[in-house]
Amino acid sequence: MLRIGVLALTVALGSTSGAIAQRGDPMSRDGSSRLWYGFGLAPGWARVSCTICAANRPAGISAFAAIGASTSRVLRIAGELAAWRERDGTVRQTLMSVGAAAYWYPNTRRRFYLKGGVTYVMHRASDGTVVITSSGIGPQMGVGYQYPFSRDWLVGPFFHYSVGVVGGDVKYNGGQAASSARVSFLQVGLSLTRR
């Protein structure tokens, strides 16, 4: 699961940086064709809903990384990777989200943004004997605000939500356990972005 996510993000980032290099100056001050990246740590909540699932939403620690290009002063695109982890007794849960998103800044003088895109969400729960996996493809969305604290860096709060609803399934030790699942993931925290 982790290898698939890393491979998908590597391909997305490689194609993004290649396109930027072909277009010319990636550091133009008007914001066009400019490479940017960001990352953050945040509390996170994950939930798997299906016919046999408990559908609780435990809290854990999460992180994300994004890299992309500014297509204009109000629009940025990115490939993203997010991860979450939680342990309750002997049960350890992990989640990974791999996707692509667009960040829209309605006002060029402010750093408020709205985020939308698509993601593939994978969840795994294990107690060392039983392994239950779930996955799905679906939308991701978010909102945030970025404060400049230097010429090239921005920091600010964010709220990101992703949910896998299409093509989802639940597997119990590798065998099919449920034909459909909804895997959701919520992050609320602080991000650091280099523009």
N, C-alpha and C. Protein backbone atom coordinates (compact mmCIF):
# COMPACT_ATOMS: atom_id res chain seq x y z
N MET A 1 0.83 -1.19 0.00
CA MET A 1 0.00 0.00 0.00
C MET A 1 0.87 1.25 0.00
N LEU A 2 1.89 1.29 0.88
CA LEU A 2 2.79 2.43 0.94
C LEU A 2 3.58 2.58 -0.35
N ARG A 3 4.04 1.46 -0.92
CA ARG A 3 4.81 1.52 -2.16
C ARG A 3 3.98 2.08 -3.31
N ILE A 4 2.72 1.68 -3.39
CA ILE A 4 1.85 2.20 -4.46
C ILE A 4 1.69 3.71 -4.33
N GLY A 5 1.47 4.18 -3.09
CA GLY A 5 1.30 5.62 -2.86
C GLY A 5 2.55 6.41 -3.22
N VAL A 6 3.70 5.92 -2.79
CA VAL A 6 4.97 6.61 -3.08
C VAL A 6 5.23 6.62 -4.59
N LEU A 7 4.97 5.50 -5.26
CA LEU A 7 5.17 5.43 -6.70
C LEU A 7 4.26 6.40 -7.44
N ALA A 8 2.98 6.45 -7.05
CA ALA A 8 2.04 7.36 -7.71
C ALA A 8 2.45 8.82 -7.52
N LEU A 9 2.87 9.17 -6.30
CA LEU A 9 3.30 10.55 -6.05
C LEU A 9 4.56 10.88 -6.81
N THR A 10 5.51 9.95 -6.91
CA THR A 10 6.75 10.16 -7.66
C THR A 10 6.45 10.43 -9.13
N VAL A 11 5.55 9.65 -9.73
CA VAL A 11 5.18 9.85 -11.13
C VAL A 11 4.52 11.21 -11.33
N ALA A 12 3.59 11.57 -10.41
CA ALA A 12 2.91 12.86 -10.53
C ALA A 12 3.87 14.02 -10.39
N LEU A 13 4.78 13.92 -9.44
CA LEU A 13 5.74 15.01 -9.23
C LEU A 13 6.74 15.10 -10.37
N GLY A 14 7.15 13.96 -10.90
CA GLY A 14 8.07 13.95 -12.04
C GLY A 14 7.46 14.62 -13.26
N SER A 15 6.19 14.32 -13.54
CA SER A 15 5.55 14.92 -14.70
C SER A 15 5.31 16.40 -14.49
N THR A 16 5.01 16.82 -13.24
CA THR A 16 4.81 18.24 -12.94
C THR A 16 6.10 19.02 -13.13
N SER A 17 7.21 18.51 -12.57
CA SER A 17 8.47 19.25 -12.69
C SER A 17 8.97 19.26 -14.12
N GLY A 18 8.69 18.20 -14.89
CA GLY A 18 9.07 18.19 -16.29
C GLY A 18 8.33 19.23 -17.09
N ALA A 19 7.03 19.37 -16.81
CA ALA A 19 6.23 20.38 -17.51
C ALA A 19 6.70 21.78 -17.17
N ILE A 20 7.07 22.00 -15.91
CA ILE A 20 7.55 23.32 -15.50
C ILE A 20 8.86 23.65 -16.20
N ALA A 21 9.76 22.69 -16.28
CA ALA A 21 11.05 22.93 -16.91
C ALA A 21 10.88 23.27 -18.38
N GLN A 22 9.91 22.65 -19.06
CA GLN A 22 9.70 22.92 -20.48
C GLN A 22 9.13 24.32 -20.71
N ARG A 23 8.39 24.86 -19.73
CA ARG A 23 7.76 26.15 -19.90
C ARG A 23 8.71 27.32 -19.65
N GLY A 24 9.87 27.06 -19.08
CA GLY A 24 10.81 28.15 -18.87
C GLY A 24 11.01 28.47 -17.41
N ASP A 25 11.11 29.75 -17.08
CA ASP A 25 11.48 30.22 -15.76
C ASP A 25 10.49 29.76 -14.69
N PRO A 26 10.89 28.82 -13.81
CA PRO A 26 9.97 28.34 -12.80
C PRO A 26 9.86 29.26 -11.59
N MET A 27 10.65 30.31 -11.54
CA MET A 27 10.66 31.19 -10.38
C MET A 27 10.17 32.60 -10.72
N SER A 28 9.31 32.75 -11.72
CA SER A 28 8.84 34.06 -12.11
C SER A 28 8.04 34.69 -10.98
N ARG A 29 8.21 35.99 -10.73
CA ARG A 29 7.59 36.67 -9.59
C ARG A 29 6.10 36.88 -9.79
N ASP A 30 5.57 36.74 -11.00
CA ASP A 30 4.13 36.93 -11.20
C ASP A 30 3.34 35.69 -10.80
N GLY A 31 4.02 34.63 -10.39
CA GLY A 31 3.35 33.43 -9.90
C GLY A 31 3.12 32.37 -10.95
N SER A 32 3.28 32.67 -12.22
CA SER A 32 3.00 31.68 -13.25
C SER A 32 4.18 30.72 -13.40
N SER A 33 3.88 29.46 -13.64
CA SER A 33 4.88 28.41 -13.86
C SER A 33 5.90 28.33 -12.74
N ARG A 34 5.47 28.58 -11.53
CA ARG A 34 6.40 28.59 -10.41
C ARG A 34 6.23 27.34 -9.55
N LEU A 35 7.34 26.65 -9.32
CA LEU A 35 7.32 25.46 -8.48
C LEU A 35 7.13 25.85 -7.02
N TRP A 36 6.29 25.11 -6.30
CA TRP A 36 6.09 25.35 -4.88
C TRP A 36 5.93 24.00 -4.18
N TYR A 37 6.17 23.99 -2.87
CA TYR A 37 5.93 22.78 -2.09
C TYR A 37 5.52 23.17 -0.68
N GLY A 38 4.83 22.24 -0.02
CA GLY A 38 4.37 22.49 1.33
C GLY A 38 4.24 21.20 2.10
N PHE A 39 4.18 21.32 3.40
CA PHE A 39 4.01 20.16 4.27
C PHE A 39 3.39 20.62 5.57
N GLY A 40 2.90 19.67 6.35
CA GLY A 40 2.29 20.02 7.62
C GLY A 40 2.08 18.82 8.51
N LEU A 41 1.95 19.08 9.79
CA LEU A 41 1.59 18.09 10.79
C LEU A 41 0.27 18.50 11.40
N ALA A 42 -0.57 17.51 11.72
CA ALA A 42 -1.89 17.87 12.22
C ALA A 42 -2.52 16.70 12.94
N PRO A 43 -3.43 16.99 13.88
CA PRO A 43 -4.30 15.92 14.36
C PRO A 43 -5.15 15.44 13.18
N GLY A 44 -5.43 14.16 13.16
CA GLY A 44 -6.23 13.62 12.07
C GLY A 44 -7.24 12.61 12.58
N TRP A 45 -8.33 12.45 11.84
CA TRP A 45 -9.38 11.51 12.18
C TRP A 45 -9.71 10.69 10.94
N ALA A 46 -9.80 9.38 11.10
CA ALA A 46 -10.11 8.50 9.98
C ALA A 46 -11.31 7.64 10.34
N ARG A 47 -12.08 7.27 9.31
CA ARG A 47 -13.24 6.41 9.54
C ARG A 47 -13.51 5.54 8.33
N VAL A 48 -13.87 4.29 8.57
CA VAL A 48 -14.28 3.37 7.52
C VAL A 48 -15.73 3.00 7.78
N SER A 49 -16.59 3.26 6.81
CA SER A 49 -18.01 2.93 6.92
C SER A 49 -18.35 1.84 5.91
N CYS A 50 -18.94 0.75 6.39
CA CYS A 50 -19.40 -0.33 5.52
C CYS A 50 -20.44 -1.15 6.29
N THR A 51 -20.97 -2.20 5.68
CA THR A 51 -22.03 -2.98 6.32
C THR A 51 -21.55 -3.72 7.56
N ILE A 52 -20.25 -4.00 7.68
CA ILE A 52 -19.73 -4.74 8.83
C ILE A 52 -18.75 -3.91 9.66
N CYS A 53 -18.64 -2.61 9.38
CA CYS A 53 -17.65 -1.75 10.05
C CYS A 53 -18.26 -1.05 11.27
N ALA A 54 -17.41 -0.78 12.27
CA ALA A 54 -17.85 -0.05 13.46
C ALA A 54 -18.10 1.42 13.17
N ALA A 55 -17.44 1.97 12.16
CA ALA A 55 -17.61 3.36 11.70
C ALA A 55 -17.31 4.40 12.77
N ASN A 56 -16.41 4.09 13.70
CA ASN A 56 -15.97 5.12 14.64
C ASN A 56 -14.89 5.97 13.98
N ARG A 57 -14.58 7.12 14.60
CA ARG A 57 -13.60 8.03 14.02
C ARG A 57 -12.52 8.36 15.06
N PRO A 58 -11.52 7.46 15.23
CA PRO A 58 -10.48 7.73 16.23
C PRO A 58 -9.53 8.84 15.79
N ALA A 59 -8.98 9.54 16.77
CA ALA A 59 -8.01 10.61 16.49
C ALA A 59 -6.60 10.03 16.51
N GLY A 60 -5.75 10.58 15.66
CA GLY A 60 -4.36 10.16 15.61
C GLY A 60 -3.50 11.30 15.10
N ILE A 61 -2.25 11.01 14.85
CA ILE A 61 -1.33 12.01 14.30
C ILE A 61 -1.27 11.84 12.79
N SER A 62 -1.21 12.96 12.06
CA SER A 62 -1.17 12.88 10.60
C SER A 62 -0.19 13.90 10.05
N ALA A 63 0.19 13.70 8.81
CA ALA A 63 1.10 14.61 8.11
C ALA A 63 0.74 14.61 6.64
N PHE A 64 1.15 15.67 5.94
CA PHE A 64 0.94 15.71 4.50
C PHE A 64 2.09 16.43 3.83
N ALA A 65 2.27 16.16 2.55
CA ALA A 65 3.25 16.85 1.72
C ALA A 65 2.62 17.12 0.36
N ALA A 66 2.91 18.27 -0.21
CA ALA A 66 2.37 18.64 -1.52
C ALA A 66 3.46 19.32 -2.34
N ILE A 67 3.45 19.10 -3.64
CA ILE A 67 4.37 19.80 -4.54
C ILE A 67 3.64 20.04 -5.85
N GLY A 68 3.87 21.21 -6.42
CA GLY A 68 3.16 21.52 -7.66
C GLY A 68 3.65 22.80 -8.30
N ALA A 69 2.75 23.41 -9.07
CA ALA A 69 3.09 24.62 -9.83
C ALA A 69 1.98 25.64 -9.70
N SER A 70 2.35 26.90 -9.76
CA SER A 70 1.38 27.99 -9.83
C SER A 70 1.08 28.25 -11.29
N THR A 71 -0.17 28.08 -11.68
CA THR A 71 -0.54 28.34 -13.07
C THR A 71 -0.91 29.80 -13.29
N SER A 72 -1.24 30.51 -12.22
CA SER A 72 -1.53 31.94 -12.26
C SER A 72 -1.41 32.46 -10.84
N ARG A 73 -1.71 33.74 -10.63
CA ARG A 73 -1.63 34.30 -9.28
C ARG A 73 -2.74 33.78 -8.38
N VAL A 74 -3.79 33.20 -8.95
CA VAL A 74 -4.92 32.75 -8.13
C VAL A 74 -5.12 31.23 -8.15
N LEU A 75 -4.31 30.50 -8.91
CA LEU A 75 -4.52 29.06 -9.00
C LEU A 75 -3.20 28.29 -8.91
N ARG A 76 -3.18 27.28 -8.04
CA ARG A 76 -2.04 26.38 -7.91
C ARG A 76 -2.53 24.95 -8.05
N ILE A 77 -1.71 24.10 -8.65
CA ILE A 77 -2.03 22.68 -8.75
C ILE A 77 -0.95 21.89 -8.03
N ALA A 78 -1.29 20.69 -7.55
CA ALA A 78 -0.32 19.93 -6.77
C ALA A 78 -0.62 18.44 -6.78
N GLY A 79 0.44 17.66 -6.63
CA GLY A 79 0.32 16.26 -6.26
C GLY A 79 0.51 16.18 -4.76
N GLU A 80 -0.29 15.35 -4.08
CA GLU A 80 -0.28 15.33 -2.62
C GLU A 80 -0.21 13.92 -2.05
N LEU A 81 0.41 13.83 -0.90
CA LEU A 81 0.50 12.57 -0.17
C LEU A 81 0.23 12.89 1.31
N ALA A 82 -0.74 12.18 1.91
CA ALA A 82 -1.05 12.38 3.33
C ALA A 82 -1.05 11.02 4.02
N ALA A 83 -0.70 11.03 5.31
CA ALA A 83 -0.66 9.78 6.07
C ALA A 83 -1.18 10.04 7.48
N TRP A 84 -1.71 8.98 8.10
CA TRP A 84 -2.30 9.05 9.44
C TRP A 84 -2.00 7.76 10.18
N ARG A 85 -1.82 7.87 11.50
CA ARG A 85 -1.53 6.68 12.29
C ARG A 85 -2.17 6.82 13.67
N GLU A 86 -2.69 5.66 14.17
CA GLU A 86 -3.32 5.64 15.49
C GLU A 86 -3.17 4.25 16.08
N ARG A 87 -2.92 4.19 17.39
CA ARG A 87 -2.80 2.89 18.08
C ARG A 87 -3.73 2.90 19.29
N ASP A 88 -4.50 1.82 19.42
CA ASP A 88 -5.40 1.64 20.55
C ASP A 88 -5.18 0.23 21.09
N GLY A 89 -4.40 0.11 22.16
CA GLY A 89 -4.06 -1.21 22.68
C GLY A 89 -3.17 -1.95 21.69
N THR A 90 -3.63 -3.11 21.25
CA THR A 90 -2.84 -3.91 20.30
C THR A 90 -3.21 -3.62 18.85
N VAL A 91 -4.23 -2.80 18.63
CA VAL A 91 -4.69 -2.51 17.27
C VAL A 91 -4.02 -1.24 16.76
N ARG A 92 -3.35 -1.36 15.62
CA ARG A 92 -2.72 -0.20 14.98
C ARG A 92 -3.44 0.08 13.68
N GLN A 93 -3.82 1.35 13.48
CA GLN A 93 -4.47 1.76 12.24
C GLN A 93 -3.58 2.75 11.50
N THR A 94 -3.52 2.60 10.19
CA THR A 94 -2.79 3.54 9.34
C THR A 94 -3.67 3.90 8.14
N LEU A 95 -3.44 5.07 7.60
CA LEU A 95 -4.18 5.52 6.42
C LEU A 95 -3.23 6.30 5.53
N MET A 96 -3.41 6.16 4.23
CA MET A 96 -2.65 6.94 3.27
C MET A 96 -3.59 7.48 2.21
N SER A 97 -3.36 8.71 1.80
CA SER A 97 -4.15 9.35 0.76
C SER A 97 -3.19 9.90 -0.29
N VAL A 98 -3.40 9.52 -1.54
CA VAL A 98 -2.58 10.00 -2.66
C VAL A 98 -3.50 10.66 -3.66
N GLY A 99 -3.22 11.91 -4.02
CA GLY A 99 -4.15 12.59 -4.91
C GLY A 99 -3.56 13.79 -5.62
N ALA A 100 -4.44 14.47 -6.33
CA ALA A 100 -4.10 15.70 -7.05
C ALA A 100 -5.14 16.75 -6.67
N ALA A 101 -4.69 17.99 -6.50
CA ALA A 101 -5.60 19.04 -6.05
C ALA A 101 -5.28 20.37 -6.71
N ALA A 102 -6.28 21.24 -6.71
CA ALA A 102 -6.12 22.62 -7.16
C ALA A 102 -6.43 23.53 -5.98
N TYR A 103 -5.60 24.54 -5.78
CA TYR A 103 -5.79 25.53 -4.73
C TYR A 103 -6.19 26.85 -5.40
N TRP A 104 -7.36 27.37 -5.04
CA TRP A 104 -7.86 28.62 -5.64
C TRP A 104 -7.83 29.72 -4.59
N TYR A 105 -7.16 30.83 -4.93
CA TYR A 105 -7.05 32.00 -4.06
C TYR A 105 -7.97 33.08 -4.64
N PRO A 106 -9.16 33.28 -4.06
CA PRO A 106 -10.12 34.22 -4.65
C PRO A 106 -9.62 35.67 -4.70
N ASN A 107 -8.75 36.05 -3.77
CA ASN A 107 -8.25 37.42 -3.71
C ASN A 107 -6.73 37.37 -3.71
N THR A 108 -6.09 37.99 -4.69
CA THR A 108 -4.63 37.93 -4.80
C THR A 108 -3.92 38.68 -3.67
N ARG A 109 -4.61 39.58 -2.98
CA ARG A 109 -4.00 40.32 -1.87
C ARG A 109 -4.06 39.54 -0.56
N ARG A 110 -4.91 38.52 -0.50
CA ARG A 110 -5.06 37.73 0.72
C ARG A 110 -4.60 36.32 0.46
N ARG A 111 -4.39 35.55 1.51
CA ARG A 111 -3.87 34.20 1.38
C ARG A 111 -4.90 33.13 1.73
N PHE A 112 -6.17 33.50 1.73
CA PHE A 112 -7.24 32.53 1.93
C PHE A 112 -7.36 31.66 0.68
N TYR A 113 -7.54 30.34 0.83
CA TYR A 113 -7.69 29.48 -0.33
C TYR A 113 -8.78 28.44 -0.11
N LEU A 114 -9.30 27.96 -1.23
CA LEU A 114 -10.21 26.83 -1.28
C LEU A 114 -9.52 25.74 -2.08
N LYS A 115 -9.65 24.50 -1.64
CA LYS A 115 -8.96 23.39 -2.27
C LYS A 115 -9.96 22.35 -2.74
N GLY A 116 -9.71 21.78 -3.92
CA GLY A 116 -10.56 20.70 -4.43
C GLY A 116 -9.73 19.78 -5.32
N GLY A 117 -10.10 18.50 -5.33
CA GLY A 117 -9.36 17.55 -6.16
C GLY A 117 -9.90 16.15 -6.02
N VAL A 118 -9.07 15.20 -6.40
CA VAL A 118 -9.43 13.78 -6.34
C VAL A 118 -8.32 13.02 -5.62
N THR A 119 -8.69 11.95 -4.91
CA THR A 119 -7.70 11.21 -4.13
C THR A 119 -8.05 9.73 -4.05
N TYR A 120 -7.03 8.93 -3.79
CA TYR A 120 -7.19 7.51 -3.53
C TYR A 120 -6.82 7.29 -2.07
N VAL A 121 -7.76 6.80 -1.26
CA VAL A 121 -7.57 6.65 0.18
C VAL A 121 -7.48 5.17 0.53
N MET A 122 -6.45 4.80 1.30
CA MET A 122 -6.22 3.41 1.71
C MET A 122 -6.10 3.35 3.23
N HIS A 123 -6.84 2.44 3.86
CA HIS A 123 -6.85 2.29 5.31
C HIS A 123 -6.46 0.85 5.66
N ARG A 124 -5.72 0.70 6.77
CA ARG A 124 -5.30 -0.63 7.23
C ARG A 124 -5.39 -0.68 8.75
N ALA A 125 -6.00 -1.74 9.28
CA ALA A 125 -6.07 -1.97 10.72
C ALA A 125 -5.54 -3.37 11.00
N SER A 126 -4.68 -3.50 12.02
CA SER A 126 -4.09 -4.79 12.32
C SER A 126 -3.81 -4.92 13.81
N ASP A 127 -4.03 -6.13 14.34
CA ASP A 127 -3.67 -6.41 15.73
C ASP A 127 -2.50 -7.39 15.80
N GLY A 128 -1.83 -7.62 14.70
CA GLY A 128 -0.72 -8.55 14.63
C GLY A 128 -1.12 -9.91 14.08
N THR A 129 -2.41 -10.20 14.12
CA THR A 129 -2.92 -11.47 13.59
C THR A 129 -3.92 -11.22 12.46
N VAL A 130 -4.88 -10.37 12.74
CA VAL A 130 -5.91 -10.02 11.75
C VAL A 130 -5.54 -8.71 11.08
N VAL A 131 -5.66 -8.67 9.75
CA VAL A 131 -5.40 -7.45 8.98
C VAL A 131 -6.66 -7.14 8.17
N ILE A 132 -7.19 -5.93 8.36
CA ILE A 132 -8.36 -5.48 7.62
C ILE A 132 -7.95 -4.26 6.81
N THR A 133 -8.16 -4.32 5.50
CA THR A 133 -7.80 -3.20 4.62
C THR A 133 -9.05 -2.70 3.90
N SER A 134 -9.07 -1.40 3.65
CA SER A 134 -10.16 -0.75 2.94
C SER A 134 -9.58 0.33 2.04
N SER A 135 -10.27 0.62 0.94
CA SER A 135 -9.77 1.65 0.03
C SER A 135 -10.92 2.21 -0.80
N GLY A 136 -10.66 3.34 -1.45
CA GLY A 136 -11.65 3.95 -2.32
C GLY A 136 -11.10 5.21 -2.96
N ILE A 137 -11.71 5.61 -4.06
CA ILE A 137 -11.35 6.84 -4.79
C ILE A 137 -12.48 7.84 -4.60
N GLY A 138 -12.13 9.10 -4.43
CA GLY A 138 -13.17 10.10 -4.25
C GLY A 138 -12.63 11.51 -4.19
N PRO A 139 -13.47 12.45 -3.78
CA PRO A 139 -13.06 13.86 -3.77
C PRO A 139 -12.25 14.22 -2.53
N GLN A 140 -11.46 15.26 -2.68
CA GLN A 140 -10.83 15.89 -1.52
C GLN A 140 -11.12 17.38 -1.59
N MET A 141 -11.25 18.00 -0.44
CA MET A 141 -11.58 19.42 -0.38
C MET A 141 -10.94 20.03 0.86
N GLY A 142 -10.89 21.34 0.88
CA GLY A 142 -10.28 21.98 2.04
C GLY A 142 -10.37 23.48 1.97
N VAL A 143 -9.93 24.09 3.05
CA VAL A 143 -9.89 25.54 3.17
C VAL A 143 -8.70 25.88 4.07
N GLY A 144 -8.11 27.04 3.85
CA GLY A 144 -6.98 27.44 4.67
C GLY A 144 -6.63 28.89 4.50
N TYR A 145 -5.71 29.34 5.31
CA TYR A 145 -5.22 30.72 5.24
C TYR A 145 -3.72 30.69 5.47
N GLN A 146 -2.97 31.43 4.65
CA GLN A 146 -1.52 31.42 4.72
C GLN A 146 -0.98 32.81 5.02
N TYR A 147 -0.16 32.90 6.07
CA TYR A 147 0.47 34.16 6.48
C TYR A 147 1.92 34.17 6.03
N PRO A 148 2.36 35.19 5.29
CA PRO A 148 3.78 35.26 4.94
C PRO A 148 4.62 35.62 6.16
N PHE A 149 5.70 34.86 6.41
CA PHE A 149 6.60 35.23 7.50
C PHE A 149 8.03 35.43 6.99
N SER A 150 8.24 35.29 5.69
CA SER A 150 9.49 35.67 5.04
C SER A 150 9.20 35.86 3.57
N ARG A 151 10.21 36.16 2.80
CA ARG A 151 10.02 36.41 1.37
C ARG A 151 9.48 35.18 0.64
N ASP A 152 9.89 33.99 1.08
CA ASP A 152 9.54 32.77 0.36
C ASP A 152 8.66 31.79 1.12
N TRP A 153 8.39 32.03 2.41
CA TRP A 153 7.67 31.05 3.21
C TRP A 153 6.34 31.59 3.72
N LEU A 154 5.35 30.69 3.77
CA LEU A 154 4.03 30.99 4.29
C LEU A 154 3.68 29.96 5.36
N VAL A 155 2.97 30.38 6.39
CA VAL A 155 2.50 29.46 7.42
C VAL A 155 1.03 29.77 7.71
N GLY A 156 0.27 28.76 8.05
CA GLY A 156 -1.13 29.04 8.36
C GLY A 156 -1.95 27.82 8.67
N PRO A 157 -3.16 28.04 9.18
CA PRO A 157 -4.06 26.95 9.53
C PRO A 157 -4.74 26.37 8.29
N PHE A 158 -5.12 25.10 8.38
CA PHE A 158 -5.84 24.47 7.27
C PHE A 158 -6.83 23.44 7.80
N PHE A 159 -7.82 23.15 6.98
CA PHE A 159 -8.82 22.11 7.22
C PHE A 159 -8.94 21.34 5.92
N HIS A 160 -8.54 20.06 5.91
CA HIS A 160 -8.59 19.24 4.70
C HIS A 160 -9.43 17.99 4.97
N TYR A 161 -10.24 17.61 4.00
CA TYR A 161 -11.10 16.42 4.13
C TYR A 161 -11.06 15.65 2.81
N SER A 162 -10.88 14.34 2.90
CA SER A 162 -10.91 13.48 1.72
C SER A 162 -11.75 12.25 2.03
N VAL A 163 -12.39 11.72 0.99
CA VAL A 163 -13.24 10.54 1.18
C VAL A 163 -13.17 9.65 -0.05
N GLY A 164 -12.91 8.37 0.16
CA GLY A 164 -12.91 7.39 -0.91
C GLY A 164 -14.26 6.69 -0.95
N VAL A 165 -15.00 6.86 -2.04
CA VAL A 165 -16.35 6.30 -2.13
C VAL A 165 -16.54 5.38 -3.34
N VAL A 166 -15.68 5.48 -4.34
CA VAL A 166 -15.83 4.70 -5.56
C VAL A 166 -14.80 3.58 -5.58
N GLY A 167 -15.23 2.39 -5.94
CA GLY A 167 -14.31 1.26 -6.05
C GLY A 167 -13.80 0.76 -4.72
N GLY A 168 -14.47 1.16 -3.64
CA GLY A 168 -14.02 0.75 -2.32
C GLY A 168 -14.40 -0.68 -1.98
N ASP A 169 -13.57 -1.32 -1.19
CA ASP A 169 -13.87 -2.65 -0.69
C ASP A 169 -13.22 -2.83 0.68
N VAL A 170 -13.61 -3.89 1.37
CA VAL A 170 -13.03 -4.23 2.66
C VAL A 170 -12.53 -5.66 2.56
N LYS A 171 -11.26 -5.87 2.94
CA LYS A 171 -10.67 -7.20 2.91
C LYS A 171 -10.24 -7.62 4.31
N TYR A 172 -10.51 -8.87 4.63
CA TYR A 172 -10.16 -9.46 5.92
C TYR A 172 -9.10 -10.52 5.67
N ASN A 173 -7.86 -10.24 6.11
CA ASN A 173 -6.72 -11.12 5.84
C ASN A 173 -6.61 -11.49 4.37
N GLY A 174 -6.85 -10.52 3.50
CA GLY A 174 -6.70 -10.71 2.06
C GLY A 174 -7.94 -11.16 1.34
N GLY A 175 -8.95 -11.66 2.05
CA GLY A 175 -10.19 -12.12 1.43
C GLY A 175 -11.26 -11.05 1.48
N GLN A 176 -12.14 -11.05 0.50
CA GLN A 176 -13.20 -10.05 0.42
C GLN A 176 -14.16 -10.18 1.61
N ALA A 177 -14.39 -9.07 2.33
CA ALA A 177 -15.29 -9.08 3.48
C ALA A 177 -16.53 -8.24 3.24
N ALA A 178 -16.42 -7.17 2.45
CA ALA A 178 -17.56 -6.32 2.11
C ALA A 178 -17.31 -5.74 0.74
N SER A 179 -18.38 -5.58 -0.04
CA SER A 179 -18.22 -5.15 -1.44
C SER A 179 -18.09 -3.65 -1.60
N SER A 180 -18.48 -2.88 -0.60
CA SER A 180 -18.36 -1.43 -0.72
C SER A 180 -17.97 -0.83 0.62
N ALA A 181 -17.21 0.25 0.55
CA ALA A 181 -16.75 0.94 1.77
C ALA A 181 -16.60 2.42 1.48
N ARG A 182 -16.68 3.19 2.55
CA ARG A 182 -16.46 4.63 2.47
C ARG A 182 -15.34 4.95 3.45
N VAL A 183 -14.20 5.38 2.93
CA VAL A 183 -13.03 5.67 3.76
C VAL A 183 -12.84 7.19 3.79
N SER A 184 -13.00 7.79 4.97
CA SER A 184 -12.88 9.25 5.08
C SER A 184 -11.74 9.64 6.00
N PHE A 185 -11.20 10.84 5.75
CA PHE A 185 -10.00 11.31 6.43
C PHE A 185 -10.09 12.81 6.61
N LEU A 186 -9.90 13.28 7.83
CA LEU A 186 -10.00 14.70 8.17
C LEU A 186 -8.73 15.16 8.86
N GLN A 187 -8.19 16.32 8.44
CA GLN A 187 -7.01 16.92 9.05
C GLN A 187 -7.30 18.37 9.40
N VAL A 188 -6.87 18.79 10.59
CA VAL A 188 -6.97 20.20 11.00
C VAL A 188 -5.64 20.54 11.66
N GLY A 189 -4.91 21.50 11.10
CA GLY A 189 -3.60 21.80 11.66
C GLY A 189 -2.93 22.99 11.02
N LEU A 190 -1.59 23.00 11.04
CA LEU A 190 -0.78 24.09 10.49
C LEU A 190 0.08 23.56 9.35
N SER A 191 0.20 24.37 8.31
CA SER A 191 1.03 24.01 7.17
C SER A 191 2.14 25.03 6.98
N LEU A 192 3.20 24.58 6.33
CA LEU A 192 4.33 25.44 5.97
C LEU A 192 4.54 25.29 4.47
N THR A 193 4.54 26.39 3.75
CA THR A 193 4.61 26.36 2.28
C THR A 193 5.75 27.25 1.79
N ARG A 194 6.55 26.73 0.85
CA ARG A 194 7.57 27.54 0.20
C ARG A 194 7.08 27.88 -1.18
N ARG A 195 6.91 29.17 -1.44
CA ARG A 195 6.37 29.61 -2.72
C ARG A 195 7.48 29.93 -3.71
